[in-house]
PDB file of N, CA and C in Angstrom:
ATOM      1  N   MET A   1     -41.834  -0.972  52.552  1.00  0.00           N
ATOM      2  CA  MET A   1     -40.916  -2.095  52.352  1.00  0.00           C
ATOM      3  C   MET A   1     -40.146  -1.972  51.058  1.00  0.00           C
ATOM      4  N   THR A   2     -40.702  -1.118  50.102  1.00  0.00           N
ATOM      5  CA  THR A   2     -39.889  -0.782  48.866  1.00  0.00           C
ATOM      6  C   THR A   2     -38.611  -0.029  49.349  1.00  0.00           C
ATOM      7  N   ASN A   3     -38.741   0.967  50.150  1.00  0.00           N
ATOM      8  CA  ASN A   3     -37.652   1.729  50.638  1.00  0.00           C
ATOM      9  C   ASN A   3     -36.640   0.843  51.307  1.00  0.00           C
ATOM     10  N   ALA A   4     -36.975  -0.114  52.165  1.00  0.00           N
ATOM     11  CA  ALA A   4     -36.017  -0.886  52.763  1.00  0.00           C
ATOM     12  C   ALA A   4     -35.426  -1.942  51.910  1.00  0.00           C
ATOM     13  N   ALA A   5     -36.098  -2.368  50.728  1.00  0.00           N
ATOM     14  CA  ALA A   5     -35.449  -3.199  49.748  1.00  0.00           C
ATOM     15  C   ALA A   5     -34.310  -2.290  48.956  1.00  0.00           C
ATOM     16  N   GLN A   6     -34.756  -1.028  48.631  1.00  0.00           N
ATOM     17  CA  GLN A   6     -33.834  -0.263  47.936  1.00  0.00           C
ATOM     18  C   GLN A   6     -32.536   0.077  48.869  1.00  0.00           C
ATOM     19  N   ALA A   7     -32.833   0.099  50.064  1.00  0.00           N
ATOM     20  CA  ALA A   7     -31.765   0.468  51.063  1.00  0.00           C
ATOM     21  C   ALA A   7     -30.689  -0.669  51.272  1.00  0.00           C
ATOM     22  N   ILE A   8     -31.172  -1.793  51.056  1.00  0.00           N
ATOM     23  CA  ILE A   8     -30.187  -2.941  51.269  1.00  0.00           C
ATOM     24  C   ILE A   8     -29.434  -3.293  49.992  1.00  0.00           C
ATOM     25  N   ALA A   9     -30.058  -3.011  48.850  1.00  0.00           N
ATOM     26  CA  ALA A   9     -29.512  -3.502  47.513  1.00  0.00           C
ATOM     27  C   ALA A   9     -27.978  -2.964  47.253  1.00  0.00           C
ATOM     28  N   PRO A  10     -27.625  -1.802  47.656  1.00  0.00           N
ATOM     29  CA  PRO A  10     -26.219  -1.319  47.430  1.00  0.00           C
ATOM     30  C   PRO A  10     -25.411  -2.032  48.509  1.00  0.00           C
ATOM     31  N   ARG A  11     -25.842  -2.242  49.623  1.00  0.00           N
ATOM     32  CA  ARG A  11     -25.003  -2.835  50.679  1.00  0.00           C
ATOM     33  C   ARG A  11     -24.634  -4.278  50.238  1.00  0.00           C
ATOM     34  N   ALA A  12     -25.670  -4.970  49.766  1.00  0.00           N
ATOM     35  CA  ALA A  12     -25.510  -6.482  49.356  1.00  0.00           C
ATOM     36  C   ALA A  12     -24.263  -6.565  48.284  1.00  0.00           C
ATOM     37  N   THR A  13     -24.401  -5.665  47.385  1.00  0.00           N
ATOM     38  CA  THR A  13     -23.439  -5.812  46.201  1.00  0.00           C
ATOM     39  C   THR A  13     -22.113  -5.264  46.527  1.00  0.00           C
ATOM     40  N   ALA A  14     -21.986  -4.034  47.197  1.00  0.00           N
ATOM     41  CA  ALA A  14     -20.916  -3.381  47.378  1.00  0.00           C
ATOM     42  C   ALA A  14     -19.901  -4.151  48.473  1.00  0.00           C
ATOM     43  N   THR A  15     -20.626  -4.468  49.469  1.00  0.00           N
ATOM     44  CA  THR A  15     -19.806  -4.974  50.742  1.00  0.00           C
ATOM     45  C   THR A  15     -19.732  -6.432  50.843  1.00  0.00           C
ATOM     46  N   GLY A  16     -20.591  -7.280  50.100  1.00  0.00           N
ATOM     47  CA  GLY A  16     -20.779  -8.669  50.314  1.00  0.00           C
ATOM     48  C   GLY A  16     -21.617  -9.030  51.525  1.00  0.00           C
ATOM     49  N   VAL A  17     -22.079  -8.076  52.277  1.00  0.00           N
ATOM     50  CA  VAL A  17     -23.041  -8.262  53.349  1.00  0.00           C
ATOM     51  C   VAL A  17     -24.332  -8.529  52.738  1.00  0.00           C
ATOM     52  N   ARG A  18     -25.064  -9.504  53.184  1.00  0.00           N
ATOM     53  CA  ARG A  18     -26.377  -9.869  52.665  1.00  0.00           C
ATOM     54  C   ARG A  18     -27.395  -8.806  53.318  1.00  0.00           C
ATOM     55  N   GLY A  19     -28.227  -8.363  52.421  1.00  0.00           N
ATOM     56  CA  GLY A  19     -29.265  -7.581  52.744  1.00  0.00           C
ATOM     57  C   GLY A  19     -30.355  -8.271  53.408  1.00  0.00           C
ATOM     58  N   LEU A  20     -30.950  -7.509  54.341  1.00  0.00           N
ATOM     59  CA  LEU A  20     -31.992  -8.219  55.100  1.00  0.00           C
ATOM     60  C   LEU A  20     -33.247  -7.195  55.346  1.00  0.00           C
ATOM     61  N   VAL A  21     -34.452  -7.682  55.201  1.00  0.00           N
ATOM     62  CA  VAL A  21     -35.481  -6.744  55.648  1.00  0.00           C
ATOM     63  C   VAL A  21     -36.421  -7.608  56.568  1.00  0.00           C
ATOM     64  N   ARG A  22     -36.896  -7.010  57.624  1.00  0.00           N
ATOM     65  CA  ARG A  22     -37.743  -7.745  58.535  1.00  0.00           C
ATOM     66  C   ARG A  22     -38.884  -7.070  58.768  1.00  0.00           C
ATOM     67  N   VAL A  23     -40.035  -7.672  58.729  1.00  0.00           N
ATOM     68  CA  VAL A  23     -41.365  -7.139  58.879  1.00  0.00           C
ATOM     69  C   VAL A  23     -41.998  -7.834  60.125  1.00  0.00           C
ATOM     70  N   ALA A  24     -42.456  -7.132  61.095  1.00  0.00           N
ATOM     71  CA  ALA A  24     -43.116  -7.704  62.399  1.00  0.00           C
ATOM     72  C   ALA A  24     -44.338  -6.834  62.669  1.00  0.00           C
ATOM     73  N   ALA A  25     -45.283  -7.439  63.380  1.00  0.00           N
ATOM     74  CA  ALA A  25     -46.431  -6.764  63.811  1.00  0.00           C
ATOM     75  C   ALA A  25     -46.772  -7.343  65.199  1.00  0.00           C
ATOM     76  N   ARG A  26     -47.297  -6.396  66.138  1.00  0.00           N
ATOM     77  CA  ARG A  26     -47.602  -6.944  67.445  1.00  0.00           C
ATOM     78  C   ARG A  26     -48.724  -5.884  67.985  1.00  0.00           C
ATOM     79  N   ALA A  27     -49.521  -6.503  68.991  1.00  0.00           N
ATOM     80  CA  ALA A  27     -50.536  -5.517  69.617  1.00  0.00           C
ATOM     81  C   ALA A  27     -49.791  -4.919  70.743  1.00  0.00           C
ATOM     82  N   GLU A  28     -50.185  -3.603  70.875  1.00  0.00           N
ATOM     83  CA  GLU A  28     -49.618  -2.816  71.977  1.00  0.00           C
ATOM     84  C   GLU A  28     -50.831  -2.037  72.569  1.00  0.00           C
ATOM     85  N   GLY A  29     -51.567  -2.627  73.495  1.00  0.00           N
ATOM     86  CA  GLY A  29     -52.693  -2.102  74.104  1.00  0.00           C
ATOM     87  C   GLY A  29     -53.755  -1.661  73.083  1.00  0.00           C
ATOM     88  N   ASP A  30     -54.001  -0.441  72.846  1.00  0.00           N
ATOM     89  CA  ASP A  30     -55.045  -0.108  71.964  1.00  0.00           C
ATOM     90  C   ASP A  30     -54.564   0.213  70.588  1.00  0.00           C
ATOM     91  N   ARG A  31     -53.276  -0.265  70.269  1.00  0.00           N
ATOM     92  CA  ARG A  31     -52.665  -0.020  69.089  1.00  0.00           C
ATOM     93  C   ARG A  31     -51.974  -1.176  68.468  1.00  0.00           C
ATOM     94  N   VAL A  32     -51.747  -1.198  67.096  1.00  0.00           N
ATOM     95  CA  VAL A  32     -50.896  -2.263  66.559  1.00  0.00           C
ATOM     96  C   VAL A  32     -49.828  -1.563  65.916  1.00  0.00           C
ATOM     97  N   ARG A  33     -48.663  -2.381  66.146  1.00  0.00           N
ATOM     98  CA  ARG A  33     -47.342  -1.677  65.698  1.00  0.00           C
ATOM     99  C   ARG A  33     -46.847  -2.743  64.635  1.00  0.00           C
ATOM    100  N   ILE A  34     -46.572  -2.032  63.469  1.00  0.00           N
ATOM    101  CA  ILE A  34     -45.980  -2.734  62.345  1.00  0.00           C
ATOM    102  C   ILE A  34     -44.551  -2.153  62.082  1.00  0.00           C
ATOM    103  N   SER A  35     -43.639  -3.036  62.198  1.00  0.00           N
ATOM    104  CA  SER A  35     -42.155  -2.494  62.152  1.00  0.00           C
ATOM    105  C   SER A  35     -41.553  -3.087  60.827  1.00  0.00           C
ATOM    106  N   ILE A  36     -40.887  -2.297  60.159  1.00  0.00           N
ATOM    107  CA  ILE A  36     -40.119  -2.708  58.933  1.00  0.00           C
ATOM    108  C   ILE A  36     -38.708  -2.268  59.129  1.00  0.00           C
ATOM    109  N   ALA A  37     -37.789  -3.220  59.180  1.00  0.00           N
ATOM    110  CA  ALA A  37     -36.416  -2.950  59.551  1.00  0.00           C
ATOM    111  C   ALA A  37     -35.449  -3.551  58.353  1.00  0.00           C
ATOM    112  N   ASP A  38     -34.361  -2.633  58.211  1.00  0.00           N
ATOM    113  CA  ASP A  38     -33.503  -3.154  57.193  1.00  0.00           C
ATOM    114  C   ASP A  38     -32.045  -3.050  57.691  1.00  0.00           C
ATOM    115  N   ASN A  39     -31.121  -3.694  57.056  1.00  0.00           N
ATOM    116  CA  ASN A  39     -29.633  -3.543  57.509  1.00  0.00           C
ATOM    117  C   ASN A  39     -28.854  -2.826  56.498  1.00  0.00           C
ATOM    118  N   GLY A  40     -29.492  -1.897  55.850  1.00  0.00           N
ATOM    119  CA  GLY A  40     -28.876  -0.955  54.871  1.00  0.00           C
ATOM    120  C   GLY A  40     -27.889   0.030  55.659  1.00  0.00           C
ATOM    121  N   GLU A  41     -27.598   1.091  54.846  1.00  0.00           N
ATOM    122  CA  GLU A  41     -26.779   2.134  55.302  1.00  0.00           C
ATOM    123  C   GLU A  41     -27.307   3.044  56.411  1.00  0.00           C
ATOM    124  N   GLY A  42     -28.555   2.972  56.719  1.00  0.00           N
ATOM    125  CA  GLY A  42     -29.095   3.848  57.670  1.00  0.00           C
ATOM    126  C   GLY A  42     -29.352   5.253  57.181  1.00  0.00           C
ATOM    127  N   ILE A  43     -29.826   6.061  58.007  1.00  0.00           N
ATOM    128  CA  ILE A  43     -30.274   7.433  57.714  1.00  0.00           C
ATOM    129  C   ILE A  43     -29.407   8.437  58.488  1.00  0.00           C
ATOM    130  N   ARG A  44     -28.834   9.344  57.847  1.00  0.00           N
ATOM    131  CA  ARG A  44     -27.912  10.448  58.495  1.00  0.00           C
ATOM    132  C   ARG A  44     -28.879  11.277  59.395  1.00  0.00           C
ATOM    133  N   PRO A  45     -28.359  11.750  60.619  1.00  0.00           N
ATOM    134  CA  PRO A  45     -29.233  12.438  61.480  1.00  0.00           C
ATOM    135  C   PRO A  45     -29.762  13.671  60.775  1.00  0.00           C
ATOM    136  N   GLU A  46     -29.059  14.333  59.968  1.00  0.00           N
ATOM    137  CA  GLU A  46     -29.561  15.599  59.472  1.00  0.00           C
ATOM    138  C   GLU A  46     -30.685  15.333  58.339  1.00  0.00           C
ATOM    139  N   HIS A  47     -30.789  14.037  57.946  1.00  0.00           N
ATOM    140  CA  HIS A  47     -31.929  13.777  57.089  1.00  0.00           C
ATOM    141  C   HIS A  47     -33.176  13.309  57.759  1.00  0.00           C
ATOM    142  N   ARG A  48     -33.006  12.813  58.870  1.00  0.00           N
ATOM    143  CA  ARG A  48     -34.202  12.202  59.698  1.00  0.00           C
ATOM    144  C   ARG A  48     -35.279  13.355  59.902  1.00  0.00           C
ATOM    145  N   ALA A  49     -34.963  14.453  60.163  1.00  0.00           N
ATOM    146  CA  ALA A  49     -35.957  15.496  60.538  1.00  0.00           C
ATOM    147  C   ALA A  49     -36.802  15.826  59.152  1.00  0.00           C
ATOM    148  N   ARG A  50     -36.385  15.528  58.049  1.00  0.00           N
ATOM    149  CA  ARG A  50     -36.927  15.839  56.755  1.00  0.00           C
ATOM    150  C   ARG A  50     -37.627  14.723  56.093  1.00  0.00           C
ATOM    151  N   LEU A  51     -37.401  13.432  56.706  1.00  0.00           N
ATOM    152  CA  LEU A  51     -37.937  12.328  55.843  1.00  0.00           C
ATOM    153  C   LEU A  51     -39.392  12.275  55.503  1.00  0.00           C
ATOM    154  N   PHE A  52     -40.268  12.979  56.249  1.00  0.00           N
ATOM    155  CA  PHE A  52     -41.606  12.892  55.899  1.00  0.00           C
ATOM    156  C   PHE A  52     -42.030  14.269  55.082  1.00  0.00           C
ATOM    157  N   GLU A  53     -41.242  15.101  54.733  1.00  0.00           N
ATOM    158  CA  GLU A  53     -41.538  16.288  53.899  1.00  0.00           C
ATOM    159  C   GLU A  53     -41.837  15.922  52.496  1.00  0.00           C
ATOM    160  N   PRO A  54     -42.852  16.378  51.856  1.00  0.00           N
ATOM    161  CA  PRO A  54     -42.965  16.243  50.482  1.00  0.00           C
ATOM    162  C   PRO A  54     -41.792  16.602  49.673  1.00  0.00           C
ATOM    163  N   LEU A  55     -41.448  15.869  48.639  1.00  0.00           N
ATOM    164  CA  LEU A  55     -40.360  16.314  47.667  1.00  0.00           C
ATOM    165  C   LEU A  55     -38.910  16.098  48.301  1.00  0.00           C
ATOM    166  N   PHE A  56     -38.783  15.622  49.601  1.00  0.00           N
ATOM    167  CA  PHE A  56     -37.479  15.462  50.148  1.00  0.00           C
ATOM    168  C   PHE A  56     -36.941  13.954  49.773  1.00  0.00           C
ATOM    169  N   THR A  57     -35.843  13.837  49.162  1.00  0.00           N
ATOM    170  CA  THR A  57     -35.416  12.567  48.790  1.00  0.00           C
ATOM    171  C   THR A  57     -33.917  12.502  48.991  1.00  0.00           C
ATOM    172  N   MET A  58     -33.361  11.215  49.313  1.00  0.00           N
ATOM    173  CA  MET A  58     -31.909  11.011  49.323  1.00  0.00           C
ATOM    174  C   MET A  58     -31.464  10.306  48.091  1.00  0.00           C
ATOM    175  N   ARG A  59     -32.442   9.894  47.210  1.00  0.00           N
ATOM    176  CA  ARG A  59     -32.212   9.125  45.995  1.00  0.00           C
ATOM    177  C   ARG A  59     -32.483   9.929  44.739  1.00  0.00           C
ATOM    178  N   PRO A  60     -31.365  10.166  44.091  1.00  0.00           N
ATOM    179  CA  PRO A  60     -31.484  10.776  42.777  1.00  0.00           C
ATOM    180  C   PRO A  60     -32.382  10.211  41.767  1.00  0.00           C
ATOM    181  N   GLY A  61     -33.302  10.822  41.275  1.00  0.00           N
ATOM    182  CA  GLY A  61     -34.213  10.370  40.268  1.00  0.00           C
ATOM    183  C   GLY A  61     -35.556   9.840  40.884  1.00  0.00           C
ATOM    184  N   HIS A  62     -35.635  10.093  42.255  1.00  0.00           N
ATOM    185  CA  HIS A  62     -36.903   9.747  42.917  1.00  0.00           C
ATOM    186  C   HIS A  62     -37.695  11.093  43.288  1.00  0.00           C
ATOM    187  N   ALA A  63     -38.925  10.881  43.458  1.00  0.00           N
ATOM    188  CA  ALA A  63     -39.735  12.085  43.598  1.00  0.00           C
ATOM    189  C   ALA A  63     -39.924  12.557  45.042  1.00  0.00           C
ATOM    190  N   GLY A  64     -39.567  11.607  45.999  1.00  0.00           N
ATOM    191  CA  GLY A  64     -39.623  12.132  47.486  1.00  0.00           C
ATOM    192  C   GLY A  64     -41.124  12.272  47.951  1.00  0.00           C
ATOM    193  N   LEU A  65     -42.008  11.483  47.336  1.00  0.00           N
ATOM    194  CA  LEU A  65     -43.345  11.484  47.938  1.00  0.00           C
ATOM    195  C   LEU A  65     -43.689  10.308  48.671  1.00  0.00           C
ATOM    196  N   GLY A  66     -43.189   9.107  48.647  1.00  0.00           N
ATOM    197  CA  GLY A  66     -43.651   7.862  49.352  1.00  0.00           C
ATOM    198  C   GLY A  66     -43.751   8.191  50.784  1.00  0.00           C
ATOM    199  N   LEU A  67     -42.691   8.578  51.507  1.00  0.00           N
ATOM    200  CA  LEU A  67     -42.797   8.605  53.028  1.00  0.00           C
ATOM    201  C   LEU A  67     -43.823   9.798  53.423  1.00  0.00           C
ATOM    202  N   ALA A  68     -43.885  10.827  52.598  1.00  0.00           N
ATOM    203  CA  ALA A  68     -44.684  12.066  52.914  1.00  0.00           C
ATOM    204  C   ALA A  68     -46.197  11.438  52.785  1.00  0.00           C
ATOM    205  N   LEU A  69     -46.491  10.687  51.830  1.00  0.00           N
ATOM    206  CA  LEU A  69     -47.856  10.007  51.606  1.00  0.00           C
ATOM    207  C   LEU A  69     -48.215   9.081  52.826  1.00  0.00           C
ATOM    208  N   ALA A  70     -47.180   8.183  53.024  1.00  0.00           N
ATOM    209  CA  ALA A  70     -47.414   7.230  54.159  1.00  0.00           C
ATOM    210  C   ALA A  70     -47.673   8.019  55.405  1.00  0.00           C
ATOM    211  N   HIS A  71     -46.866   9.016  55.674  1.00  0.00           N
ATOM    212  CA  HIS A  71     -47.186   9.820  56.950  1.00  0.00           C
ATOM    213  C   HIS A  71     -48.585  10.450  56.954  1.00  0.00           C
ATOM    214  N   ARG A  72     -49.115  11.060  55.827  1.00  0.00           N
ATOM    215  CA  ARG A  72     -50.372  11.625  55.727  1.00  0.00           C
ATOM    216  C   ARG A  72     -51.429  10.493  55.880  1.00  0.00           C
ATOM    217  N   VAL A  73     -51.308   9.357  55.310  1.00  0.00           N
ATOM    218  CA  VAL A  73     -52.246   8.274  55.324  1.00  0.00           C
ATOM    219  C   VAL A  73     -52.283   7.759  56.997  1.00  0.00           C
ATOM    220  N   VAL A  74     -51.216   7.467  57.519  1.00  0.00           N
ATOM    221  CA  VAL A  74     -51.119   6.923  58.872  1.00  0.00           C
ATOM    222  C   VAL A  74     -51.567   7.951  59.860  1.00  0.00           C
ATOM    223  N   VAL A  75     -51.125   9.130  59.737  1.00  0.00           N
ATOM    224  CA  VAL A  75     -51.373  10.127  60.891  1.00  0.00           C
ATOM    225  C   VAL A  75     -52.783  10.925  60.627  1.00  0.00           C
ATOM    226  N   ALA A  76     -52.934  11.465  59.432  1.00  0.00           N
ATOM    227  CA  ALA A  76     -54.021  12.248  59.287  1.00  0.00           C
ATOM    228  C   ALA A  76     -55.287  11.470  59.001  1.00  0.00           C
ATOM    229  N   ARG A  77     -55.230  10.313  58.311  1.00  0.00           N
ATOM    230  CA  ARG A  77     -56.453   9.679  57.984  1.00  0.00           C
ATOM    231  C   ARG A  77     -56.809   8.628  59.029  1.00  0.00           C
ATOM    232  N   HIS A  78     -55.778   8.022  59.653  1.00  0.00           N
ATOM    233  CA  HIS A  78     -56.115   6.931  60.604  1.00  0.00           C
ATOM    234  C   HIS A  78     -55.664   7.247  62.140  1.00  0.00           C
ATOM    235  N   GLY A  79     -55.290   8.454  62.349  1.00  0.00           N
ATOM    236  CA  GLY A  79     -54.956   8.776  63.828  1.00  0.00           C
ATOM    237  C   GLY A  79     -53.801   7.979  64.314  1.00  0.00           C
ATOM    238  N   GLY A  80     -52.893   7.459  63.578  1.00  0.00           N
ATOM    239  CA  GLY A  80     -51.711   6.685  63.917  1.00  0.00           C
ATOM    240  C   GLY A  80     -50.446   7.545  64.013  1.00  0.00           C
ATOM    241  N   ARG A  81     -49.367   6.867  64.118  1.00  0.00           N
ATOM    242  CA  ARG A  81     -48.127   7.483  64.287  1.00  0.00           C
ATOM    243  C   ARG A  81     -47.175   6.750  63.285  1.00  0.00           C
ATOM    244  N   LEU A  82     -46.113   7.417  62.638  1.00  0.00           N
ATOM    245  CA  LEU A  82     -45.159   6.827  61.829  1.00  0.00           C
ATOM    246  C   LEU A  82     -43.767   7.369  62.472  1.00  0.00           C
ATOM    247  N   GLU A  83     -43.091   6.282  62.898  1.00  0.00           N
ATOM    248  CA  GLU A  83     -41.755   6.793  63.593  1.00  0.00           C
ATOM    249  C   GLU A  83     -40.590   6.104  62.950  1.00  0.00           C
ATOM    250  N   VAL A  84     -39.400   6.512  63.099  1.00  0.00           N
ATOM    251  CA  VAL A  84     -38.184   6.009  62.593  1.00  0.00           C
ATOM    252  C   VAL A  84     -37.107   5.841  63.499  1.00  0.00           C
ATOM    253  N   GLU A  85     -36.338   4.754  63.528  1.00  0.00           N
ATOM    254  CA  GLU A  85     -35.171   4.594  64.270  1.00  0.00           C
ATOM    255  C   GLU A  85     -34.055   4.411  63.217  1.00  0.00           C
ATOM    256  N   SER A  86     -32.883   4.981  63.422  1.00  0.00           N
ATOM    257  CA  SER A  86     -31.758   4.731  62.573  1.00  0.00           C
ATOM    258  C   SER A  86     -30.441   4.998  63.081  1.00  0.00           C
ATOM    259  N   GLU A  87     -29.409   4.331  62.672  1.00  0.00           N
ATOM    260  CA  GLU A  87     -28.064   4.607  63.145  1.00  0.00           C
ATOM    261  C   GLU A  87     -27.263   4.393  61.805  1.00  0.00           C
ATOM    262  N   PRO A  88     -26.636   5.406  61.399  1.00  0.00           N
ATOM    263  CA  PRO A  88     -25.799   5.457  60.181  1.00  0.00           C
ATOM    264  C   PRO A  88     -24.825   4.168  60.091  1.00  0.00           C
ATOM    265  N   GLY A  89     -24.906   3.436  59.095  1.00  0.00           N
ATOM    266  CA  GLY A  89     -24.207   2.100  58.965  1.00  0.00           C
ATOM    267  C   GLY A  89     -24.799   0.911  59.630  1.00  0.00           C
ATOM    268  N   ARG A  90     -26.005   1.048  60.263  1.00  0.00           N
ATOM    269  CA  ARG A  90     -26.596  -0.025  60.867  1.00  0.00           C
ATOM    270  C   ARG A  90     -28.032  -0.255  60.449  1.00  0.00           C
ATOM    271  N   GLY A  91     -28.490   0.465  59.394  1.00  0.00           N
ATOM    272  CA  GLY A  91     -29.816   0.211  58.981  1.00  0.00           C
ATOM    273  C   GLY A  91     -30.901   1.340  59.700  1.00  0.00           C
ATOM    274  N   ALA A  92     -32.103   0.928  59.274  1.00  0.00           N
ATOM    275  CA  ALA A  92     -33.295   1.785  59.772  1.00  0.00           C
ATOM    276  C   ALA A  92     -34.412   0.829  60.241  1.00  0.00           C
ATOM    277  N   THR A  93     -35.273   1.283  61.053  1.00  0.00           N
ATOM    278  CA  THR A  93     -36.527   0.536  61.228  1.00  0.00           C
ATOM    279  C   THR A  93     -37.592   1.733  61.247  1.00  0.00           C
ATOM    280  N   PHE A  94     -38.713   1.487  60.609  1.00  0.00           N
ATOM    281  CA  PHE A  94     -39.857   2.314  60.467  1.00  0.00           C
ATOM    282  C   PHE A  94     -40.985   1.506  61.086  1.00  0.00           C
ATOM    283  N   HIS A  95     -41.589   2.314  62.151  1.00  0.00           N
ATOM    284  CA  HIS A  95     -42.730   1.854  62.897  1.00  0.00           C
ATOM    285  C   HIS A  95     -44.022   2.601  62.481  1.00  0.00           C
ATOM    286  N   VAL A  96     -45.035   1.710  62.108  1.00  0.00           N
ATOM    287  CA  VAL A  96     -46.314   2.281  61.865  1.00  0.00           C
ATOM    288  C   VAL A  96     -47.218   1.818  62.965  1.00  0.00           C
ATOM    289  N   LEU A  97     -47.755   2.804  63.856  1.00  0.00           N
ATOM    290  CA  LEU A  97     -48.762   2.616  64.906  1.00  0.00           C
ATOM    291  C   LEU A  97     -50.126   2.862  64.534  1.00  0.00           C
ATOM    292  N   LEU A  98     -50.896   1.997  64.445  1.00  0.00           N
ATOM    293  CA  LEU A  98     -52.390   2.356  64.180  1.00  0.00           C
ATOM    294  C   LEU A  98     -53.271   1.952  65.293  1.00  0.00           C
ATOM    295  N   PRO A  99     -54.252   2.722  65.535  1.00  0.00           N
ATOM    296  CA  PRO A  99     -55.246   2.413  66.539  1.00  0.00           C
ATOM    297  C   PRO A  99     -56.096   1.185  66.169  1.00  0.00           C
ATOM    298  N   VAL A 100     -56.512   0.463  67.171  1.00  0.00           N
ATOM    299  CA  VAL A 100     -57.179  -0.804  66.928  1.00  0.00           C
ATOM    300  C   VAL A 100     -58.772  -0.378  66.801  1.00  0.00           C
ATOM    301  N   SER A 101     -59.400  -1.002  65.880  1.00  0.00           N
ATOM    302  CA  SER A 101     -60.827  -0.644  65.631  1.00  0.00           C
ATOM    303  C   SER A 101     -61.640  -1.659  66.460  1.00  0.00           C
ATOM    304  N   ALA A 102     -62.592  -0.931  66.983  1.00  0.00           N
ATOM    305  CA  ALA A 102     -63.563  -1.833  67.748  1.00  0.00           C
ATOM    306  C   ALA A 102     -64.316  -2.848  67.039  1.00  0.00           C
TER     307      ALA A 102
END
């Protein structure tokens, strides 16, 4: 959610378009999907393949560890998935899919 808030901040001030972050959760069979969407600038296709790499960042002055750590926790520790949808100029949506515990 921090990344989404950061993504909308420049859009809200530079273009006059209001920034928006949406969070939703729903059950999908044996998983829960948590989606975090923003209407920021989106992610360029050449960056999407590297988003979850440690030390990769598109923001100067940032460490590039947040999404790598999130990926490790969701996938390696909980057997889930972390997915991203994005279209430049139209924002991004990150999906966290976690198995339901019995």
